[in-house]
Amino acid sequence: MVATYFPGRGTLFEETYLEGKAEGIVEGKAESILSVLEKRGIDLPHDIRDRITSCTNLDTLTLWFDRSLAATTSEDLFAEG
């Protein structure tokens, strides 16, 4: 039997679990952006697809997801201002 003292104790098990969960959330957000753009018929060049899937910042991905709902081109995701 393994005692974990989970949550909040900083055990290796907890850190690994939380890291994996965070990675899954980020990957899911990136996939959602791609799905929205594809369903809306917006062209996704390889460089933009790679930029979205390689991003690891959840705040940035959330911003891009929000923008994907109204974007008319894939470049609209990255517009300043």
Protein backbone atom coordinates (compact mmCIF):
# COMPACT_ATOMS: atom_id res chain seq x y z
CA MET A 1 0.00 0.00 0.00
CA VAL A 2 1.25 3.48 -0.92
CA ALA A 3 0.50 6.42 1.37
CA THR A 4 0.25 9.64 -0.63
CA TYR A 5 -0.86 12.42 1.75
CA PHE A 6 -2.61 13.79 -1.30
CA PRO A 7 -3.48 16.71 -1.85
CA GLY A 8 -1.21 19.57 -0.91
CA ARG A 9 1.85 17.78 0.41
CA GLY A 10 4.05 18.12 -2.68
CA THR A 11 4.68 14.41 -3.03
CA LEU A 12 6.21 13.15 -6.26
CA PHE A 13 2.95 11.36 -7.01
CA GLU A 14 0.95 14.57 -6.55
CA GLU A 15 3.36 16.67 -8.61
CA THR A 16 3.34 14.12 -11.43
CA TYR A 17 -0.46 13.89 -11.33
CA LEU A 18 -0.95 17.66 -11.39
CA GLU A 19 1.64 18.15 -14.13
CA GLY A 20 -0.09 15.55 -16.29
CA LYS A 21 -3.47 17.09 -15.64
CA ALA A 22 -2.19 20.55 -16.60
CA GLU A 23 -0.65 19.21 -19.80
CA GLY A 24 -3.96 17.58 -20.67
CA ILE A 25 -5.83 20.83 -20.14
CA VAL A 26 -3.39 22.73 -22.37
CA GLU A 27 -3.56 20.09 -25.10
CA GLY A 28 -7.35 20.05 -24.90
CA LYS A 29 -7.55 23.84 -25.24
CA ALA A 30 -5.27 23.77 -28.29
CA GLU A 31 -7.36 21.03 -29.88
CA SER A 32 -10.52 23.05 -29.19
CA ILE A 33 -9.07 26.06 -31.01
CA LEU A 34 -8.18 23.93 -34.02
CA SER A 35 -11.61 22.33 -34.01
CA VAL A 36 -13.45 25.66 -33.88
CA LEU A 37 -11.40 27.07 -36.74
CA GLU A 38 -11.84 23.92 -38.84
CA LYS A 39 -15.60 23.81 -38.23
CA ARG A 40 -15.84 27.46 -39.23
CA GLY A 41 -14.00 26.68 -42.49
CA ILE A 42 -10.96 28.80 -41.65
CA ASP A 43 -7.71 27.79 -43.35
CA LEU A 44 -5.03 26.49 -40.97
CA PRO A 45 -1.55 26.64 -42.47
CA HIS A 46 1.02 24.33 -40.88
CA ASP A 47 2.89 27.19 -39.19
CA ILE A 48 -0.26 28.39 -37.43
CA ARG A 49 -1.30 24.87 -36.46
CA ASP A 50 2.19 24.33 -35.02
CA ARG A 51 2.09 27.65 -33.14
CA ILE A 52 -1.21 26.68 -31.51
CA THR A 53 -0.21 23.12 -30.63
CA SER A 54 3.21 24.11 -29.29
CA CYS A 55 1.89 26.83 -26.98
CA THR A 56 2.02 25.82 -23.29
CA ASN A 57 0.55 29.00 -21.77
CA LEU A 58 -3.07 28.39 -20.76
CA ASP A 59 -3.88 32.12 -20.59
CA THR A 60 -2.65 32.60 -24.16
CA LEU A 61 -4.59 29.56 -25.37
CA THR A 62 -7.73 30.84 -23.65
CA LEU A 63 -7.33 34.21 -25.40
CA TRP A 64 -6.81 32.47 -28.74
CA PHE A 65 -9.85 30.25 -28.13
CA ASP A 66 -12.03 33.30 -27.43
CA ARG A 67 -10.73 34.94 -30.60
CA SER A 68 -11.34 31.77 -32.62
CA LEU A 69 -15.06 32.16 -32.06
CA ALA A 70 -15.16 35.40 -34.08
CA ALA A 71 -12.04 35.12 -36.27
CA THR A 72 -12.37 35.37 -40.02
CA THR A 73 -8.79 34.19 -40.64
CA SER A 74 -6.42 32.10 -38.56
CA GLU A 75 -4.11 35.12 -38.26
CA ASP A 76 -6.87 36.93 -36.31
CA LEU A 77 -5.95 34.79 -33.28
CA PHE A 78 -2.65 36.65 -32.93
CA ALA A 79 -3.82 40.21 -33.59
CA GLU A 80 -2.45 42.83 -31.23
CA GLY A 81 -4.86 45.08 -29.37
